[in-house]
Amino acid sequence: MLSENVGACYMVPESWLAQAVTTEHPDGVAGIVGVDASAIGDFSFDSAAFLGVATDAVQDPGNVGTLLRSIVAVGGDGLFLSGDSVHPMQPKLLRSTAGQWFRRPPRRVDLSRMIDSAKGAKVQVLVASMEGESYWKADLTKPTLLVVGNEGGGVRREFIAKADRAISIPMVRGVESLNVAMAGTLILYEAYRQRSLNVVR
């Protein structure tokens, strides 16, 4: 375990390590890092090709971790968690990112203010909604903030009303929905596809 003195480390009994960490089968190394990702703060959009995802009350840490991995995989700008979404340093979330958390740590935001800031910066705000039109029709080459909601209630009406457009994922009749991580990943990869084609042209 690392101490407060950078570079210092200590050997501890396996039984102590097992009590100190949350995994069933720890890797044998544990550390303490001084990262504060819990504070809700402002955000400035400084990329002309911005691509980010914001969650509205998404509580499942595995889904949020998967979303973060997808954002990193497509070169996105970040994952932004509403105050009532899962904590950005929740242990299961951290593990589910397979180390990608450290490349793009998720941030907590005031979602309403972030949407307003995005629109003020000419970043299109899209919400994933069963009532939207197919995401295949959306121009995702534009700077984009995608807002996704929890599987039970979806994105709240107040945020849908603020958004520029609602988009959905086509599915065969009788299928209720995809989980938020899968839905977000499909849309992120469509953005990646469109932007790659745009660069080639």
Protein backbone atom coordinates (compact mmCIF):
# COMPACT_ATOMS: atom_id res chain seq x y z
CA MET A 1 0.00 0.00 0.00
CA LEU A 2 1.28 3.50 -0.89
CA SER A 3 1.66 5.96 1.93
CA GLU A 4 1.13 9.73 1.87
CA ASN A 5 4.84 10.04 1.07
CA VAL A 6 5.17 9.64 -2.68
CA GLY A 7 7.15 6.55 -3.57
CA ALA A 8 6.85 4.87 -0.16
CA CYS A 9 5.33 1.41 -0.08
CA TYR A 10 4.68 -1.23 2.52
CA MET A 11 4.26 -4.98 2.48
CA VAL A 12 1.13 -6.08 4.33
CA PRO A 13 -0.42 -9.48 5.07
CA GLU A 14 -2.89 -10.79 2.50
CA SER A 15 -5.61 -10.88 5.14
CA TRP A 16 -5.16 -7.15 5.79
CA LEU A 17 -5.27 -6.35 2.07
CA ALA A 18 -8.44 -8.41 1.66
CA GLN A 19 -10.13 -6.26 4.31
CA ALA A 20 -8.85 -2.99 2.89
CA VAL A 21 -10.15 -3.37 -0.69
CA THR A 22 -13.59 -4.09 -2.12
CA THR A 23 -12.73 -6.78 -4.69
CA GLU A 24 -13.23 -10.46 -3.89
CA HIS A 25 -9.82 -11.41 -5.30
CA PRO A 26 -7.51 -8.38 -5.03
CA ASP A 27 -4.57 -8.12 -7.42
CA GLY A 28 -2.09 -7.73 -4.58
CA VAL A 29 -1.49 -4.02 -4.94
CA ALA A 30 -3.51 -1.14 -3.48
CA GLY A 31 -2.91 2.57 -3.46
CA ILE A 32 -4.40 5.82 -2.23
CA VAL A 33 -4.62 8.69 -4.69
CA GLY A 34 -5.72 12.25 -4.07
CA VAL A 35 -8.24 12.68 -6.89
CA ASP A 36 -11.43 14.66 -6.24
CA ALA A 37 -13.99 13.89 -8.93
CA SER A 38 -17.00 14.43 -6.70
CA ALA A 39 -17.41 18.19 -6.81
CA ILE A 40 -20.04 19.63 -9.12
CA GLY A 41 -18.48 22.35 -11.26
CA ASP A 42 -18.71 24.37 -14.44
CA PHE A 43 -17.49 23.19 -17.82
CA SER A 44 -16.23 25.08 -20.85
CA PHE A 45 -16.51 23.67 -24.37
CA ASP A 46 -13.12 24.33 -25.92
CA SER A 47 -13.16 21.84 -28.80
CA ALA A 48 -14.66 22.52 -32.22
CA ALA A 49 -15.15 18.75 -32.58
CA PHE A 50 -16.54 18.19 -29.08
CA LEU A 51 -18.11 14.80 -28.39
CA GLY A 52 -19.29 14.01 -24.89
CA VAL A 53 -21.96 12.09 -23.00
CA ALA A 54 -23.90 13.32 -19.98
CA THR A 55 -25.95 11.04 -17.76
CA ASP A 56 -29.28 11.93 -16.20
CA ALA A 57 -29.76 9.94 -12.97
CA VAL A 58 -27.94 6.85 -14.25
CA GLN A 59 -27.11 4.81 -11.16
CA ASP A 60 -25.72 1.53 -12.49
CA PRO A 61 -21.91 1.72 -12.10
CA GLY A 62 -21.24 -1.02 -14.66
CA ASN A 63 -23.19 0.82 -17.34
CA VAL A 64 -21.46 4.11 -16.57
CA GLY A 65 -18.06 2.40 -16.66
CA THR A 66 -18.86 0.86 -20.04
CA LEU A 67 -19.92 4.25 -21.38
CA LEU A 68 -16.61 5.72 -20.25
CA ARG A 69 -14.66 2.98 -22.03
CA SER A 70 -16.62 3.69 -25.23
CA ILE A 71 -15.95 7.43 -24.96
CA VAL A 72 -12.23 6.80 -24.64
CA ALA A 73 -12.31 4.31 -27.53
CA VAL A 74 -13.77 6.87 -29.95
CA GLY A 75 -11.58 9.73 -28.75
CA GLY A 76 -14.45 11.54 -27.05
CA ASP A 77 -14.06 14.48 -24.72
CA GLY A 78 -15.59 13.08 -21.58
CA LEU A 79 -18.36 11.63 -19.48
CA PHE A 80 -20.37 14.03 -17.32
CA LEU A 81 -22.51 12.77 -14.47
CA SER A 82 -25.53 14.58 -13.07
CA GLY A 83 -25.52 15.04 -9.31
CA ASP A 84 -27.98 12.16 -8.88
CA SER A 85 -26.02 9.74 -11.07
CA VAL A 86 -23.61 7.19 -9.61
CA HIS A 87 -20.61 8.67 -7.79
CA PRO A 88 -17.66 9.02 -10.21
CA MET A 89 -15.37 7.16 -7.81
CA GLN A 90 -17.73 4.32 -6.93
CA PRO A 91 -15.56 1.16 -6.71
CA LYS A 92 -17.52 -0.94 -9.21
CA LEU A 93 -17.49 1.94 -11.69
CA LEU A 94 -13.72 2.25 -11.33
CA ARG A 95 -13.19 -1.47 -11.92
CA SER A 96 -15.57 -1.64 -14.88
CA THR A 97 -13.52 0.94 -16.81
CA ALA A 98 -10.52 -1.42 -17.01
CA GLY A 99 -8.15 1.45 -16.28
CA GLN A 100 -9.68 3.92 -18.73
CA TRP A 101 -11.00 6.01 -15.82
CA PHE A 102 -7.52 7.48 -15.47
CA ARG A 103 -7.46 8.60 -19.11
CA ARG A 104 -10.81 10.39 -18.96
CA PRO A 105 -12.03 10.71 -15.36
CA PRO A 106 -15.79 11.33 -15.30
CA ARG A 107 -16.92 14.65 -13.89
CA ARG A 108 -19.96 15.70 -11.93
CA VAL A 109 -21.93 18.59 -13.39
CA ASP A 110 -25.12 20.53 -12.95
CA LEU A 111 -26.81 19.00 -15.99
CA SER A 112 -29.23 21.85 -16.60
CA ARG A 113 -26.42 24.41 -16.58
CA MET A 114 -24.23 22.21 -18.76
CA ILE A 115 -26.95 21.94 -21.40
CA ASP A 116 -27.37 25.72 -21.37
CA SER A 117 -23.60 26.19 -21.68
CA ALA A 118 -23.42 23.72 -24.55
CA LYS A 119 -26.12 25.50 -26.51
CA GLY A 120 -24.44 28.83 -25.82
CA ALA A 121 -21.21 27.40 -27.27
CA LYS A 122 -23.05 26.11 -30.38
CA VAL A 123 -22.70 22.48 -29.28
CA GLN A 124 -25.78 20.54 -30.34
CA VAL A 125 -27.54 18.77 -27.46
CA LEU A 126 -29.12 15.44 -28.34
CA VAL A 127 -31.13 13.29 -25.96
CA ALA A 128 -31.57 9.56 -26.33
CA SER A 129 -35.30 8.91 -26.25
CA MET A 130 -37.67 6.23 -27.52
CA GLU A 131 -39.72 9.09 -28.96
CA GLY A 132 -36.90 10.50 -31.09
CA GLU A 133 -36.10 9.85 -34.73
CA SER A 134 -33.42 7.41 -35.83
CA TYR A 135 -29.90 8.38 -34.85
CA TRP A 136 -28.85 7.39 -38.38
CA LYS A 137 -30.45 10.66 -39.53
CA ALA A 138 -28.54 12.88 -37.10
CA ASP A 139 -25.49 14.87 -38.18
CA LEU A 140 -22.98 13.77 -35.57
CA THR A 141 -20.05 15.52 -37.24
CA LYS A 142 -21.16 18.65 -35.39
CA PRO A 143 -19.94 19.34 -31.85
CA THR A 144 -22.28 17.14 -29.83
CA LEU A 145 -23.35 16.53 -26.25
CA LEU A 146 -25.43 13.36 -25.92
CA VAL A 147 -27.67 13.10 -22.87
CA VAL A 148 -28.73 9.61 -21.76
CA GLY A 149 -31.08 8.63 -18.95
CA ASN A 150 -31.70 5.66 -16.73
CA GLU A 151 -33.51 2.68 -18.19
CA GLY A 152 -36.55 3.09 -15.97
CA GLY A 153 -37.48 6.70 -16.63
CA GLY A 154 -35.23 7.86 -19.45
CA VAL A 155 -34.11 11.47 -19.74
CA ARG A 156 -36.29 13.86 -17.75
CA ARG A 157 -38.77 16.02 -19.65
CA GLU A 158 -37.08 19.23 -18.54
CA PHE A 159 -33.87 18.18 -20.29
CA ILE A 160 -35.66 16.89 -23.37
CA ALA A 161 -37.30 20.31 -23.66
CA LYS A 162 -33.90 22.04 -23.51
CA ALA A 163 -32.30 19.76 -26.11
CA ASP A 164 -32.00 20.48 -29.82
CA ARG A 165 -33.23 17.06 -30.84
CA ALA A 166 -34.28 13.64 -29.56
CA ILE A 167 -32.80 10.58 -31.21
CA SER A 168 -33.57 6.89 -30.86
CA ILE A 169 -32.12 3.53 -31.90
CA PRO A 170 -34.22 1.54 -34.39
CA MET A 171 -35.35 -1.84 -33.05
CA VAL A 172 -37.69 -4.57 -34.19
CA ARG A 173 -41.22 -4.47 -32.84
CA GLY A 174 -41.67 -5.91 -29.38
CA VAL A 175 -38.25 -4.96 -28.04
CA GLU A 176 -38.63 -2.52 -25.16
CA SER A 177 -35.18 -0.90 -25.02
CA LEU A 178 -31.43 -1.33 -24.86
CA ASN A 179 -29.49 -0.62 -21.71
CA VAL A 180 -27.96 2.83 -21.45
CA ALA A 181 -24.39 1.66 -22.05
CA MET A 182 -25.29 -0.15 -25.27
CA ALA A 183 -27.43 2.72 -26.54
CA GLY A 184 -24.76 5.30 -25.80
CA THR A 185 -22.05 3.16 -27.39
CA LEU A 186 -24.00 2.71 -30.63
CA ILE A 187 -24.49 6.47 -30.95
CA LEU A 188 -20.87 7.20 -30.10
CA TYR A 189 -19.66 4.82 -32.78
CA GLU A 190 -22.02 6.34 -35.34
CA ALA A 191 -20.44 9.71 -34.49
CA TYR A 192 -17.01 8.15 -34.91
CA ARG A 193 -18.01 6.65 -38.27
CA GLN A 194 -19.43 9.92 -39.58
CA ARG A 195 -16.43 11.92 -38.44
CA SER A 196 -13.98 9.42 -39.95
CA LEU A 197 -15.77 9.68 -43.30
CA ASN A 198 -15.75 13.45 -43.03
CA VAL A 199 -11.97 13.47 -42.51
CA VAL A 200 -11.41 11.16 -45.50
CA ARG A 201 -13.42 13.44 -47.75
